[in-house]
Amino acid sequence: MSLDLSAEEAAAVVALITRTISDNRYALSRRIRTLKAILAKLRPEPVREPLPAPKVYAPPRATAARRRRRS
């Protein structure tokens, strides 16, 4: 099914769905999950870049501890 909506009509539908979702007290109900899925189709989220890989820190070497003790 394809809807031929103008930008104004699409904005009104998005606003109505968003308001309905935010005003509902049962955020995990089937109805709200369906509305969120419809909203995702009308207004897709931007693609996010993946986070960089976490840095790996090596434990200090034993020789550094020996140097500190001698001083």
Protein backbone atom coordinates (compact mmCIF):
# COMPACT_ATOMS: atom_id res chain seq x y z
CA MET A 1 0.00 0.00 0.00
CA SER A 2 1.42 3.34 -0.99
CA LEU A 3 0.25 6.66 0.38
CA ASP A 4 0.64 9.75 -1.74
CA LEU A 5 0.92 12.45 0.94
CA SER A 6 2.10 16.00 0.53
CA ALA A 7 4.83 17.24 2.87
CA GLU A 8 2.21 19.07 4.93
CA GLU A 9 0.02 15.99 5.29
CA ALA A 10 2.98 13.78 6.18
CA ALA A 11 4.09 16.27 8.85
CA ALA A 12 0.57 16.26 10.32
CA VAL A 13 0.49 12.46 10.45
CA VAL A 14 3.96 12.34 12.06
CA ALA A 15 2.92 14.96 14.64
CA LEU A 16 -0.27 13.06 15.48
CA ILE A 17 1.54 9.72 15.89
CA THR A 18 4.31 11.34 17.95
CA ARG A 19 1.78 13.02 20.26
CA THR A 20 -0.19 9.78 20.63
CA ILE A 21 2.97 7.87 21.57
CA SER A 22 4.14 10.48 24.08
CA ASP A 23 0.71 10.82 25.75
CA ASN A 24 0.20 7.08 26.21
CA ARG A 25 0.96 5.63 29.62
CA TYR A 26 1.68 2.08 28.36
CA ALA A 27 4.84 2.50 26.28
CA LEU A 28 5.26 -1.21 25.58
CA SER A 29 1.71 -1.95 24.45
CA ARG A 30 1.10 -3.56 21.08
CA ARG A 31 -0.66 -0.43 19.82
CA ILE A 32 2.27 1.85 20.67
CA ARG A 33 4.81 -0.57 19.19
CA THR A 34 2.77 -0.56 15.96
CA LEU A 35 2.65 3.24 15.94
CA LYS A 36 6.43 3.41 16.51
CA ALA A 37 6.97 1.07 13.56
CA ILE A 38 4.76 3.26 11.37
CA LEU A 39 6.61 6.36 12.55
CA ALA A 40 9.95 4.73 11.68
CA LYS A 41 8.69 4.18 8.13
CA LEU A 42 7.47 7.76 7.77
CA ARG A 43 10.51 9.35 9.38
CA PRO A 44 13.50 7.00 9.29
CA GLU A 45 16.32 7.57 11.78
CA PRO A 46 19.62 8.79 10.32
CA VAL A 47 22.33 6.17 10.00
CA ARG A 48 24.84 6.54 12.81
CA GLU A 49 28.54 5.92 12.44
CA PRO A 50 29.81 3.02 14.54
CA LEU A 51 31.81 3.85 17.65
CA PRO A 52 35.58 3.45 17.42
CA ALA A 53 37.06 0.29 18.89
CA PRO A 54 37.96 0.63 22.57
CA LYS A 55 41.64 1.13 23.35
CA VAL A 56 43.43 -1.80 24.91
CA TYR A 57 45.75 -0.85 27.75
CA ALA A 58 48.54 -3.27 28.62
CA PRO A 59 49.43 -3.74 32.28
CA PRO A 60 52.71 -2.13 33.38
CA ARG A 61 55.81 -4.22 33.02
CA ALA A 62 57.60 -5.60 36.08
CA THR A 63 60.84 -3.74 35.20
CA ALA A 64 59.17 -0.38 35.80
CA ALA A 65 58.24 -1.44 39.35
CA ARG A 66 61.85 -2.50 40.05
CA ARG A 67 63.16 0.87 38.88
CA ARG A 68 60.85 2.71 41.25
CA ARG A 69 61.92 0.65 44.24
CA ARG A 70 65.65 1.31 43.69
CA SER A 71 65.29 5.08 43.69
